[in-house]
N, C-alpha and C. Protein backbone atom coordinates (compact mmCIF):
# COMPACT_ATOMS: atom_id res chain seq x y z
N MET A 1 -107.68 -62.58 97.41
CA MET A 1 -106.93 -61.31 96.83
C MET A 1 -106.98 -60.31 96.25
N ARG A 2 -108.16 -60.10 95.35
CA ARG A 2 -108.68 -59.12 95.24
C ARG A 2 -109.32 -58.08 96.07
N LYS A 3 -110.07 -58.61 97.03
CA LYS A 3 -110.70 -57.90 98.00
C LYS A 3 -109.53 -57.46 99.28
N LEU A 4 -108.22 -57.88 99.13
CA LEU A 4 -107.17 -57.81 99.89
C LEU A 4 -106.69 -56.38 99.26
N PHE A 5 -106.39 -56.56 97.80
CA PHE A 5 -105.92 -55.53 97.19
C PHE A 5 -106.85 -54.40 97.01
N ILE A 6 -108.11 -54.51 97.24
CA ILE A 6 -109.03 -53.17 97.16
C ILE A 6 -108.68 -52.46 98.44
N ILE A 7 -108.71 -53.16 99.61
CA ILE A 7 -108.65 -52.69 100.76
C ILE A 7 -107.30 -51.79 101.05
N ILE A 8 -106.07 -52.26 100.46
CA ILE A 8 -104.89 -51.88 100.49
C ILE A 8 -104.94 -50.58 99.53
N THR A 9 -105.44 -50.59 98.55
CA THR A 9 -105.92 -49.49 97.62
C THR A 9 -106.42 -48.26 98.79
N LEU A 10 -107.69 -48.57 99.08
CA LEU A 10 -108.35 -47.47 100.03
C LEU A 10 -107.23 -46.83 101.04
N ILE A 11 -106.61 -47.81 101.42
CA ILE A 11 -106.12 -47.61 102.46
C ILE A 11 -104.85 -46.23 101.88
N VAL A 12 -104.24 -46.53 100.75
CA VAL A 12 -103.14 -45.67 100.08
C VAL A 12 -104.18 -44.33 99.62
N VAL A 13 -105.15 -44.48 99.16
CA VAL A 13 -105.95 -43.46 98.72
C VAL A 13 -106.25 -42.48 99.82
N SER A 14 -106.51 -42.99 101.09
CA SER A 14 -107.05 -42.34 101.80
C SER A 14 -105.67 -41.30 102.70
N LEU A 15 -104.47 -41.90 102.64
CA LEU A 15 -103.41 -41.25 103.05
C LEU A 15 -103.14 -40.18 102.46
N VAL A 16 -103.44 -40.04 101.17
CA VAL A 16 -103.13 -38.99 99.99
C VAL A 16 -104.31 -38.10 99.93
N ALA A 17 -105.30 -38.31 100.38
CA ALA A 17 -106.76 -37.57 99.97
C ALA A 17 -107.11 -37.05 101.50
N ARG A 18 -106.35 -36.99 102.83
CA ARG A 18 -106.64 -37.02 103.99
C ARG A 18 -108.05 -37.38 104.49
N ALA A 19 -108.41 -38.69 104.36
CA ALA A 19 -109.53 -38.91 104.27
C ALA A 19 -109.91 -39.66 106.11
N GLN A 20 -111.13 -40.03 106.12
CA GLN A 20 -111.07 -40.48 107.75
C GLN A 20 -111.75 -41.26 107.32
N VAL A 21 -111.89 -42.65 108.81
CA VAL A 21 -112.46 -43.51 108.75
C VAL A 21 -113.83 -43.59 109.55
N TYR A 22 -115.08 -43.09 109.53
CA TYR A 22 -116.04 -43.01 110.17
C TYR A 22 -116.63 -43.88 110.67
N ASP A 23 -116.45 -44.47 111.94
CA ASP A 23 -116.44 -45.90 112.35
C ASP A 23 -117.21 -46.02 113.44
N GLY A 24 -117.76 -44.83 114.16
CA GLY A 24 -118.71 -44.35 115.37
C GLY A 24 -117.78 -44.77 116.82
N ILE A 25 -116.98 -45.14 116.74
CA ILE A 25 -115.88 -45.16 117.78
C ILE A 25 -116.02 -44.08 119.11
N THR A 26 -116.54 -42.88 118.48
CA THR A 26 -116.48 -41.75 119.55
C THR A 26 -117.86 -41.25 118.99
N GLN A 27 -118.66 -40.55 120.11
CA GLN A 27 -119.83 -40.26 119.66
C GLN A 27 -119.93 -38.81 120.09
N PRO A 28 -119.60 -37.54 119.11
CA PRO A 28 -119.27 -36.20 119.24
C PRO A 28 -120.21 -35.45 120.10
N THR A 29 -121.29 -35.96 120.00
CA THR A 29 -122.38 -35.34 121.16
C THR A 29 -122.81 -36.08 122.57
N LYS A 30 -123.31 -35.43 123.33
CA LYS A 30 -123.93 -35.89 124.48
C LYS A 30 -125.15 -36.86 124.07
N PHE A 31 -125.90 -36.70 123.17
CA PHE A 31 -127.16 -37.35 122.88
C PHE A 31 -127.01 -38.22 121.23
N ARG A 32 -127.39 -39.52 121.49
CA ARG A 32 -127.37 -40.05 119.74
C ARG A 32 -128.86 -40.74 119.75
N ILE A 33 -129.67 -40.66 119.06
CA ILE A 33 -130.52 -41.67 118.61
C ILE A 33 -130.01 -42.30 116.86
N PHE A 34 -129.95 -43.68 117.13
CA PHE A 34 -129.62 -44.44 115.90
C PHE A 34 -130.54 -45.31 115.60
N MET A 35 -130.63 -45.50 114.32
CA MET A 35 -132.04 -46.32 114.12
C MET A 35 -131.82 -47.23 112.85
N PRO A 36 -130.87 -48.54 113.06
CA PRO A 36 -130.52 -49.34 111.93
C PRO A 36 -131.37 -50.44 111.66
N VAL A 37 -131.64 -50.61 110.25
CA VAL A 37 -132.52 -51.28 109.73
C VAL A 37 -132.01 -52.36 108.70
N THR A 38 -131.90 -53.87 109.37
CA THR A 38 -131.09 -54.66 108.85
C THR A 38 -131.87 -55.53 107.87
N THR A 39 -131.60 -55.69 106.37
CA THR A 39 -132.55 -56.75 105.66
C THR A 39 -131.57 -57.77 105.19
N SER A 40 -132.09 -58.84 105.30
CA SER A 40 -131.60 -60.21 104.94
C SER A 40 -131.74 -60.48 103.34
N LEU A 41 -130.66 -60.85 102.72
CA LEU A 41 -130.50 -61.12 101.49
C LEU A 41 -130.71 -62.86 101.15
N HIS A 42 -130.99 -63.52 102.42
CA HIS A 42 -131.64 -64.50 102.35
C HIS A 42 -133.06 -64.85 102.61
N GLY A 43 -133.61 -63.66 102.69
CA GLY A 43 -135.18 -63.66 102.46
C GLY A 43 -135.86 -64.07 103.65
N ASN A 44 -135.18 -63.54 105.09
CA ASN A 44 -135.51 -63.74 106.31
C ASN A 44 -136.00 -62.47 106.95
N GLY A 45 -136.45 -61.57 105.95
CA GLY A 45 -136.95 -60.67 106.60
C GLY A 45 -136.10 -59.37 106.75
N SER A 46 -136.56 -58.04 107.70
CA SER A 46 -135.80 -57.27 108.21
C SER A 46 -136.04 -57.26 109.79
N THR A 47 -134.65 -56.33 110.31
CA THR A 47 -134.60 -56.38 111.70
C THR A 47 -134.56 -54.89 111.98
N VAL A 48 -135.47 -54.38 112.91
CA VAL A 48 -135.17 -52.84 113.24
C VAL A 48 -135.03 -52.86 114.89
N ALA A 49 -133.73 -52.01 114.98
CA ALA A 49 -133.29 -52.36 116.16
C ALA A 49 -132.76 -50.96 116.78
N PRO A 50 -133.55 -49.91 117.16
CA PRO A 50 -133.07 -48.49 117.46
C PRO A 50 -132.64 -48.67 118.82
N PHE A 51 -131.77 -47.44 118.81
CA PHE A 51 -130.90 -47.09 120.28
C PHE A 51 -130.77 -45.85 120.81
N VAL A 52 -130.65 -45.41 121.89
CA VAL A 52 -130.70 -44.14 122.36
C VAL A 52 -129.15 -44.06 123.17
N GLY A 53 -128.47 -42.94 123.10
CA GLY A 53 -127.52 -43.47 123.95
C GLY A 53 -127.24 -41.83 124.34
N TYR A 54 -126.46 -41.52 125.65
CA TYR A 54 -126.07 -40.45 126.45
C TYR A 54 -124.63 -40.66 126.99
N ARG A 55 -123.90 -39.46 126.55
CA ARG A 55 -122.46 -39.57 127.08
C ARG A 55 -122.23 -39.01 128.09
N ALA A 56 -121.53 -39.29 128.84
CA ALA A 56 -120.94 -38.78 130.09
C ALA A 56 -119.13 -38.59 130.01
N ASP A 57 -118.84 -37.16 130.16
CA ASP A 57 -117.33 -37.16 130.17
C ASP A 57 -116.85 -37.06 131.62
N VAL A 58 -116.04 -38.09 131.89
CA VAL A 58 -115.32 -38.24 132.97
C VAL A 58 -114.38 -37.47 133.03
N ALA A 59 -113.48 -37.30 132.18
CA ALA A 59 -112.32 -37.06 132.17
C ALA A 59 -112.04 -36.59 130.51
N LYS A 60 -111.08 -35.77 130.03
CA LYS A 60 -110.88 -35.63 128.59
C LYS A 60 -110.02 -36.66 128.15
N TRP A 61 -109.71 -37.78 128.43
CA TRP A 61 -109.54 -39.11 128.04
C TRP A 61 -110.45 -40.35 128.44
N LEU A 62 -111.50 -39.81 128.99
CA LEU A 62 -112.42 -40.94 129.19
C LEU A 62 -114.01 -40.61 129.44
N SER A 63 -114.73 -41.55 128.85
CA SER A 63 -116.12 -41.37 128.80
C SER A 63 -117.01 -42.46 129.11
N VAL A 64 -118.49 -42.31 129.10
CA VAL A 64 -119.05 -43.72 129.49
C VAL A 64 -120.37 -43.01 128.76
N THR A 65 -120.77 -43.99 128.04
CA THR A 65 -122.03 -43.79 127.27
C THR A 65 -123.02 -44.67 127.71
N GLN A 66 -124.25 -44.54 128.29
CA GLN A 66 -125.13 -45.26 128.74
C GLN A 66 -126.18 -45.49 127.51
N VAL A 67 -126.63 -46.82 126.99
CA VAL A 67 -127.39 -47.07 125.86
C VAL A 67 -128.69 -48.02 126.57
N LEU A 68 -129.65 -47.73 125.98
CA LEU A 68 -130.81 -48.39 125.62
C LEU A 68 -131.47 -48.79 124.08
N GLN A 69 -131.59 -50.08 123.98
CA GLN A 69 -131.80 -50.47 122.64
C GLN A 69 -133.06 -51.26 122.67
N TYR A 70 -133.86 -51.22 121.72
CA TYR A 70 -135.31 -51.88 121.65
C TYR A 70 -135.27 -52.77 120.19
N ASN A 71 -134.95 -54.04 120.18
CA ASN A 71 -135.12 -54.90 119.02
C ASN A 71 -136.89 -55.04 118.61
N MET A 72 -137.14 -54.22 117.60
CA MET A 72 -138.35 -54.05 117.36
C MET A 72 -139.06 -55.45 116.75
N THR A 73 -138.14 -56.10 116.38
CA THR A 73 -138.51 -57.55 115.55
C THR A 73 -138.38 -58.75 116.59
N SER A 74 -137.78 -58.88 117.18
CA SER A 74 -137.53 -59.65 118.75
C SER A 74 -138.42 -59.26 119.97
N GLU A 75 -138.50 -58.23 119.82
CA GLU A 75 -139.00 -57.49 121.06
C GLU A 75 -138.46 -57.63 122.39
N ALA A 76 -137.02 -57.50 122.28
CA ALA A 76 -136.24 -57.63 123.09
C ALA A 76 -135.83 -56.14 123.85
N VAL A 77 -135.38 -56.16 124.89
CA VAL A 77 -134.91 -54.71 125.39
C VAL A 77 -133.30 -54.82 125.79
N SER A 78 -132.58 -53.99 125.44
CA SER A 78 -131.16 -54.28 125.63
C SER A 78 -130.47 -53.22 126.23
N PHE A 79 -129.70 -53.43 127.60
CA PHE A 79 -129.26 -52.11 128.51
C PHE A 79 -127.63 -52.50 128.02
N GLY A 80 -127.11 -51.22 127.80
CA GLY A 80 -125.46 -51.38 127.69
C GLY A 80 -124.76 -50.01 128.23
N ALA A 81 -123.27 -50.17 128.16
CA ALA A 81 -122.49 -49.18 128.93
C ALA A 81 -121.28 -49.32 127.79
N TRP A 82 -121.00 -48.35 127.43
CA TRP A 82 -119.44 -48.00 126.51
C TRP A 82 -118.93 -47.19 127.20
N LEU A 83 -117.73 -47.78 127.58
CA LEU A 83 -116.64 -47.32 127.87
C LEU A 83 -115.21 -46.82 126.81
N ASN A 84 -115.10 -45.34 126.86
CA ASN A 84 -114.43 -44.86 125.59
C ASN A 84 -112.93 -44.43 126.53
N VAL A 85 -112.19 -44.95 126.03
CA VAL A 85 -110.58 -44.37 126.74
C VAL A 85 -109.83 -44.07 125.47
N ASN A 86 -109.12 -42.62 125.46
CA ASN A 86 -108.31 -42.28 124.40
C ASN A 86 -106.95 -41.69 124.89
N TYR A 87 -106.06 -41.86 124.31
CA TYR A 87 -104.75 -41.24 124.85
C TYR A 87 -104.60 -39.92 123.58
N GLN A 88 -104.41 -38.62 124.22
CA GLN A 88 -104.08 -37.57 123.07
C GLN A 88 -104.93 -37.40 122.04
N GLN A 89 -105.98 -37.88 122.35
CA GLN A 89 -106.91 -37.66 120.92
C GLN A 89 -106.57 -38.47 119.59
N ARG A 90 -105.85 -39.80 120.01
CA ARG A 90 -105.22 -40.04 118.52
C ARG A 90 -105.29 -41.73 118.80
N PHE A 91 -105.21 -42.19 119.98
CA PHE A 91 -105.39 -43.78 120.18
C PHE A 91 -106.64 -43.79 121.05
N TYR A 92 -107.81 -44.54 120.47
CA TYR A 92 -108.98 -44.79 121.41
C TYR A 92 -109.02 -46.43 121.42
N LEU A 93 -109.46 -46.82 122.40
CA LEU A 93 -110.27 -47.92 122.91
C LEU A 93 -111.83 -47.95 123.58
N LEU A 94 -112.74 -48.58 122.75
CA LEU A 94 -114.24 -48.58 123.28
C LEU A 94 -114.31 -49.98 123.45
N ALA A 95 -114.94 -50.03 124.75
CA ALA A 95 -115.53 -51.45 125.05
C ALA A 95 -116.72 -51.41 125.40
N ARG A 96 -117.52 -52.00 124.74
CA ARG A 96 -119.13 -52.22 124.67
C ARG A 96 -119.40 -53.43 125.08
N SER A 97 -120.06 -53.03 126.47
CA SER A 97 -120.92 -54.18 127.39
C SER A 97 -122.34 -54.00 127.15
N THR A 98 -122.93 -54.97 126.90
CA THR A 98 -124.48 -55.24 126.15
C THR A 98 -125.30 -56.18 127.11
N TYR A 99 -126.44 -55.95 127.68
CA TYR A 99 -127.15 -56.91 128.20
C TYR A 99 -128.45 -57.04 127.96
N ASN A 100 -128.88 -58.33 127.17
CA ASN A 100 -130.29 -58.77 126.43
C ASN A 100 -130.84 -59.37 127.44
N THR A 101 -132.29 -58.49 127.98
CA THR A 101 -133.27 -58.67 128.94
C THR A 101 -133.73 -60.01 128.73
N LYS A 102 -134.25 -60.14 127.44
CA LYS A 102 -134.90 -61.17 126.90
C LYS A 102 -134.47 -62.30 126.74
N GLU A 103 -133.14 -62.71 126.39
CA GLU A 103 -132.50 -63.69 126.34
C GLU A 103 -131.28 -63.74 127.51
N LYS A 104 -131.52 -62.69 128.57
CA LYS A 104 -130.65 -62.78 129.50
C LYS A 104 -129.00 -63.21 129.57
N MET A 105 -128.65 -62.87 128.63
CA MET A 105 -127.16 -62.89 127.88
C MET A 105 -126.45 -61.38 127.96
N PHE A 106 -125.04 -61.50 128.36
CA PHE A 106 -124.21 -60.42 128.49
C PHE A 106 -123.11 -60.80 127.08
N THR A 107 -123.08 -59.59 126.67
CA THR A 107 -122.06 -60.00 125.58
C THR A 107 -121.13 -58.65 125.61
N GLU A 108 -119.64 -58.73 124.73
CA GLU A 108 -119.03 -57.80 124.94
C GLU A 108 -118.33 -57.73 123.64
N THR A 109 -118.18 -56.09 123.17
CA THR A 109 -117.39 -56.05 121.93
C THR A 109 -116.22 -54.97 122.18
N LEU A 110 -114.85 -55.27 121.58
CA LEU A 110 -114.23 -54.18 121.77
C LEU A 110 -113.74 -53.68 120.28
N SER A 111 -113.56 -51.91 120.39
CA SER A 111 -112.94 -51.48 119.25
C SER A 111 -111.53 -50.73 119.27
N GLY A 112 -111.16 -50.33 118.31
CA GLY A 112 -109.93 -49.46 118.52
C GLY A 112 -109.61 -48.66 117.14
N THR A 113 -109.10 -47.56 117.64
CA THR A 113 -108.87 -46.68 116.21
C THR A 113 -107.74 -46.14 116.87
N ILE A 114 -106.72 -45.99 115.98
CA ILE A 114 -105.20 -45.13 115.33
C ILE A 114 -105.56 -43.99 114.53
N LYS A 115 -105.34 -42.69 114.88
CA LYS A 115 -105.50 -41.90 114.10
C LYS A 115 -103.94 -41.39 113.79
N LEU A 116 -103.86 -41.49 112.21
CA LEU A 116 -102.37 -41.36 111.66
C LEU A 116 -102.14 -39.89 111.07
N PRO A 117 -101.19 -39.57 110.68
CA PRO A 117 -101.03 -38.23 109.97
C PRO A 117 -101.82 -38.19 108.76
N ALA A 118 -102.04 -37.34 108.07
CA ALA A 118 -102.93 -36.90 106.83
C ALA A 118 -104.07 -36.91 107.18
N GLY A 119 -104.71 -37.03 108.21
CA GLY A 119 -106.30 -37.23 108.49
C GLY A 119 -106.33 -38.68 108.57
N PHE A 120 -105.80 -40.05 108.02
CA PHE A 120 -105.74 -41.10 108.08
C PHE A 120 -106.39 -42.17 109.15
N MET A 121 -107.36 -42.84 109.40
CA MET A 121 -107.59 -43.52 110.68
C MET A 121 -107.38 -45.06 110.21
N ILE A 122 -107.02 -46.11 111.30
CA ILE A 122 -107.33 -46.99 110.97
C ILE A 122 -108.06 -47.91 112.19
N ASP A 123 -109.01 -48.57 111.78
CA ASP A 123 -110.38 -49.14 112.89
C ASP A 123 -110.48 -50.73 112.67
N ALA A 124 -110.29 -51.11 114.14
CA ALA A 124 -110.99 -52.73 114.05
C ALA A 124 -111.78 -52.81 115.19
N THR A 125 -112.74 -53.73 114.96
CA THR A 125 -113.65 -54.06 115.75
C THR A 125 -113.61 -55.58 116.02
N TRP A 126 -113.75 -55.86 117.21
CA TRP A 126 -113.74 -57.30 117.45
C TRP A 126 -115.09 -57.78 118.23
N ASP A 127 -116.21 -57.92 117.39
CA ASP A 127 -117.49 -57.88 117.82
C ASP A 127 -117.78 -59.11 118.47
N ASN A 128 -118.57 -59.31 119.38
CA ASN A 128 -119.13 -60.35 120.33
C ASN A 128 -117.62 -61.17 120.44
N LEU A 129 -117.10 -60.64 121.12
CA LEU A 129 -115.72 -61.06 121.65
C LEU A 129 -116.26 -61.98 123.12
N TYR A 130 -117.15 -61.58 123.69
CA TYR A 130 -118.15 -62.73 124.35
C TYR A 130 -119.16 -62.38 124.50
N ASN A 131 -119.68 -63.83 123.94
CA ASN A 131 -120.82 -64.14 123.87
C ASN A 131 -121.87 -64.60 124.40
N GLY A 132 -121.45 -64.47 125.75
CA GLY A 132 -122.76 -64.57 126.94
C GLY A 132 -122.22 -65.82 127.67
N ARG A 133 -121.63 -66.92 126.62
CA ARG A 133 -121.23 -68.15 127.25
C ARG A 133 -119.77 -68.16 127.26
N LYS A 134 -119.01 -67.95 126.38
CA LYS A 134 -117.77 -67.99 126.39
C LYS A 134 -117.02 -67.08 125.44
N PHE A 135 -115.86 -66.81 125.43
CA PHE A 135 -114.78 -65.86 124.76
C PHE A 135 -114.45 -66.45 123.34
N MET A 136 -114.29 -65.59 122.50
CA MET A 136 -113.83 -66.07 121.14
C MET A 136 -114.82 -67.16 120.56
N ASP A 137 -115.79 -67.12 120.37
CA ASP A 137 -116.82 -68.11 120.11
C ASP A 137 -117.80 -67.76 118.90
N GLY A 138 -117.93 -67.64 118.38
CA GLY A 138 -118.69 -66.97 117.11
C GLY A 138 -118.58 -65.36 116.68
N ASP A 139 -117.52 -65.02 117.13
CA ASP A 139 -117.29 -63.60 117.04
C ASP A 139 -116.50 -63.24 115.68
N ARG A 140 -116.52 -61.69 115.68
CA ARG A 140 -116.08 -61.27 114.24
C ARG A 140 -114.95 -60.28 114.48
N LEU A 141 -113.95 -60.06 113.57
CA LEU A 141 -112.88 -59.34 113.49
C LEU A 141 -112.84 -58.60 112.21
N GLN A 142 -112.64 -57.19 112.67
CA GLN A 142 -113.45 -56.48 111.60
C GLN A 142 -112.23 -55.36 111.04
N VAL A 143 -112.00 -54.98 109.86
CA VAL A 143 -110.64 -54.03 110.14
C VAL A 143 -111.42 -53.06 108.59
N LEU A 144 -111.13 -51.87 108.84
CA LEU A 144 -111.73 -51.04 108.02
C LEU A 144 -110.55 -49.92 107.53
N GLY A 145 -110.96 -48.97 106.51
CA GLY A 145 -110.17 -48.20 105.64
C GLY A 145 -111.48 -47.13 105.09
N GLY A 146 -111.18 -46.16 105.22
CA GLY A 146 -112.25 -45.24 104.41
C GLY A 146 -111.77 -43.78 103.75
N LEU A 147 -112.54 -43.56 103.10
CA LEU A 147 -112.26 -41.88 102.32
C LEU A 147 -113.68 -40.95 102.61
N ASP A 148 -113.09 -39.94 102.79
CA ASP A 148 -114.03 -38.78 103.53
C ASP A 148 -114.01 -37.56 102.30
N TYR A 149 -115.07 -37.41 101.31
CA TYR A 149 -114.76 -36.31 100.20
C TYR A 149 -116.43 -35.41 100.40
N GLY A 150 -116.20 -34.29 100.85
CA GLY A 150 -117.51 -33.60 100.94
C GLY A 150 -118.19 -34.16 102.06
N ARG A 151 -119.48 -33.98 101.54
CA ARG A 151 -120.90 -34.66 102.44
C ARG A 151 -121.04 -36.22 102.43
N PHE A 152 -119.95 -36.76 101.58
CA PHE A 152 -120.00 -38.35 101.76
C PHE A 152 -118.99 -38.87 102.09
N VAL A 153 -119.00 -40.36 102.66
CA VAL A 153 -117.92 -41.19 103.45
C VAL A 153 -118.13 -42.44 102.90
N PHE A 154 -116.82 -42.58 102.58
CA PHE A 154 -116.90 -44.02 101.75
C PHE A 154 -116.20 -45.12 102.55
N ASN A 155 -116.60 -46.31 103.56
CA ASN A 155 -115.71 -47.30 103.74
C ASN A 155 -115.79 -48.71 103.15
N ALA A 156 -114.57 -49.07 103.80
CA ALA A 156 -114.44 -50.61 102.67
C ALA A 156 -113.51 -51.46 103.55
N GLY A 157 -113.83 -52.43 104.19
CA GLY A 157 -113.22 -53.25 104.84
C GLY A 157 -113.47 -54.69 104.34
N TYR A 158 -113.00 -55.73 105.84
CA TYR A 158 -113.18 -57.02 105.68
C TYR A 158 -113.26 -57.97 106.99
N SER A 159 -114.31 -58.70 107.22
CA SER A 159 -114.70 -59.28 108.13
C SER A 159 -114.09 -60.59 108.60
N MET A 160 -113.40 -60.99 109.42
CA MET A 160 -112.73 -62.32 109.50
C MET A 160 -113.36 -63.31 110.61
N ARG A 161 -112.97 -64.51 110.76
CA ARG A 161 -113.44 -65.37 111.99
C ARG A 161 -115.30 -65.92 111.45
N ALA A 162 -115.96 -65.58 112.53
CA ALA A 162 -117.37 -65.84 111.94
C ALA A 162 -117.76 -65.21 110.87
N LEU A 163 -118.60 -65.61 109.83
CA LEU A 163 -119.28 -65.04 108.70
C LEU A 163 -118.10 -63.74 108.23
N PRO A 164 -117.18 -64.27 107.44
CA PRO A 164 -116.09 -63.70 106.77
C PRO A 164 -116.63 -63.07 105.69
N GLY A 165 -116.08 -62.12 105.11
CA GLY A 165 -116.34 -61.09 103.83
C GLY A 165 -116.36 -59.95 104.02
N PHE A 166 -116.56 -59.49 102.87
CA PHE A 166 -116.17 -57.63 102.61
C PHE A 166 -117.63 -57.14 103.04
N VAL A 167 -116.85 -56.25 103.60
CA VAL A 167 -118.06 -55.27 104.11
C VAL A 167 -117.68 -53.66 103.49
N THR A 168 -118.78 -53.01 103.21
CA THR A 168 -118.46 -51.44 102.54
C THR A 168 -120.07 -50.60 103.17
N ASN A 169 -119.71 -49.56 102.76
CA ASN A 169 -120.38 -48.73 103.28
C ASN A 169 -120.21 -47.07 102.76
N ILE A 170 -121.24 -46.69 102.37
CA ILE A 170 -121.43 -44.92 102.06
C ILE A 170 -122.40 -44.36 103.11
N ARG A 171 -121.73 -43.10 103.50
CA ARG A 171 -122.74 -42.34 104.22
C ARG A 171 -122.64 -40.96 103.75
N PHE A 172 -123.87 -40.26 104.03
CA PHE A 172 -124.01 -39.14 103.33
C PHE A 172 -124.77 -37.88 104.87
N ARG A 173 -123.62 -37.09 104.98
CA ARG A 173 -124.00 -35.94 106.07
C ARG A 173 -125.27 -35.31 105.80
N VAL A 174 -126.13 -35.26 106.32
CA VAL A 174 -127.17 -34.42 105.83
C VAL A 174 -126.85 -33.14 106.76
N THR A 175 -126.59 -33.30 108.01
CA THR A 175 -125.65 -32.02 108.58
C THR A 175 -124.35 -32.32 109.64
N LYS A 176 -123.81 -31.59 110.12
CA LYS A 176 -122.33 -31.91 110.58
C LYS A 176 -122.26 -33.08 111.50
N TYR A 177 -123.53 -33.46 112.42
CA TYR A 177 -123.64 -34.35 113.30
C TYR A 177 -124.60 -35.66 112.73
N ASN A 178 -125.64 -34.98 111.66
CA ASN A 178 -126.70 -36.12 111.38
C ASN A 178 -126.60 -36.71 110.01
N TRP A 179 -126.69 -38.21 109.88
CA TRP A 179 -126.62 -38.76 108.63
C TRP A 179 -127.02 -39.75 108.32
N LEU A 180 -127.02 -40.24 106.97
CA LEU A 180 -127.73 -41.74 106.42
C LEU A 180 -126.72 -42.62 105.71
N GLN A 181 -126.90 -43.81 106.31
CA GLN A 181 -125.81 -44.72 105.96
C GLN A 181 -126.36 -46.06 105.10
N LEU A 182 -125.90 -46.52 104.00
CA LEU A 182 -126.04 -47.80 103.52
C LEU A 182 -124.87 -48.63 103.50
N LYS A 183 -125.13 -49.65 103.90
CA LYS A 183 -124.03 -50.64 104.63
C LYS A 183 -124.34 -52.27 103.65
N TYR A 184 -123.45 -52.58 103.05
CA TYR A 184 -123.46 -53.87 102.56
C TYR A 184 -122.61 -54.80 103.27
N ASP A 185 -122.75 -56.31 103.94
CA ASP A 185 -121.84 -57.24 104.87
C ASP A 185 -122.19 -58.45 103.84
N GLU A 186 -121.26 -58.73 103.31
CA GLU A 186 -121.18 -60.08 102.43
C GLU A 186 -121.26 -61.09 103.42
N GLY A 187 -120.34 -61.09 104.52
CA GLY A 187 -120.54 -62.42 105.16
C GLY A 187 -121.79 -62.59 105.81
N ALA A 188 -122.62 -61.56 106.45
CA ALA A 188 -123.80 -61.81 106.74
C ALA A 188 -125.05 -61.51 105.81
N ARG A 189 -124.37 -61.35 104.70
CA ARG A 189 -125.39 -61.53 103.80
C ARG A 189 -126.64 -60.25 103.86
N ALA A 190 -126.38 -59.42 104.19
CA ALA A 190 -127.43 -58.22 104.29
C ALA A 190 -127.01 -56.66 104.03
N PHE A 191 -128.13 -56.28 103.80
CA PHE A 191 -128.01 -54.75 103.80
C PHE A 191 -128.60 -53.83 104.87
N ILE A 192 -127.62 -53.05 105.31
CA ILE A 192 -128.13 -52.13 106.48
C ILE A 192 -128.26 -50.69 106.26
N THR A 193 -129.47 -50.19 106.44
CA THR A 193 -129.87 -48.58 106.37
C THR A 193 -129.92 -48.26 107.63
N SER A 194 -129.09 -47.04 107.61
CA SER A 194 -129.31 -46.52 108.97
C SER A 194 -129.33 -44.99 109.10
N VAL A 195 -129.97 -44.46 109.99
CA VAL A 195 -130.44 -42.97 110.36
C VAL A 195 -129.64 -42.51 111.67
N ALA A 196 -128.70 -41.67 111.65
CA ALA A 196 -128.19 -41.04 113.28
C ALA A 196 -128.81 -39.64 113.58
N LEU A 197 -128.88 -39.26 114.54
CA LEU A 197 -129.41 -37.86 114.83
C LEU A 197 -128.61 -37.81 116.07
N GLN A 198 -127.74 -36.56 116.37
CA GLN A 198 -126.86 -36.49 117.29
C GLN A 198 -127.06 -35.16 117.82
N PHE A 199 -127.06 -35.06 119.12
CA PHE A 199 -127.12 -33.46 119.53
C PHE A 199 -126.79 -33.28 121.28
N ASN A 200 -126.67 -32.02 121.29
CA ASN A 200 -125.82 -32.01 122.75
C ASN A 200 -126.97 -31.35 123.90
N GLU A 201 -128.20 -30.82 123.23
CA GLU A 201 -129.36 -30.48 124.26
C GLU A 201 -130.83 -31.02 123.83
N LEU A 202 -131.45 -31.15 124.76
CA LEU A 202 -133.09 -31.66 124.55
C LEU A 202 -133.91 -30.78 124.02
């Protein structure tokens, strides 16, 4: 109940403070280099899995991002395609299809964002909706609210179904498109440190 109260409080504050949720559903530039480092709180070490992405705009309401990821810990290469559909830049739906070449497994994740008045956004992500074997087996449903203040962005939400728990992160914008982020995932019992570099020209 306390965690639910925190999330509701963040939503109310966001409406007043013209906040936005920064969930990564839209890539603002053509190129993205993303470096997440996940550290287990169970003492299982760290996982490093950088990826690069290239966004191709098909129409104002449709874009496709090709993604190449390498998990340095498991030495696995994954290919992905992110299909992003939007209506009037207010309603977004992102389908992330990924194929792990080492495990020979295809997975699917869905995300949705609605931009509301006063700069507020609500984001929901259904991670691992299809896990390579069946639908809705080991999947996680996450809902977030957030606050943007100057160069800092604070997000908080809750994950349900598999590995339920509180999720929160703080992001620091180094430049307009490049940022550092610290994230705590209670359900996964992990800290994630991420760096994002985004640009339009090589």
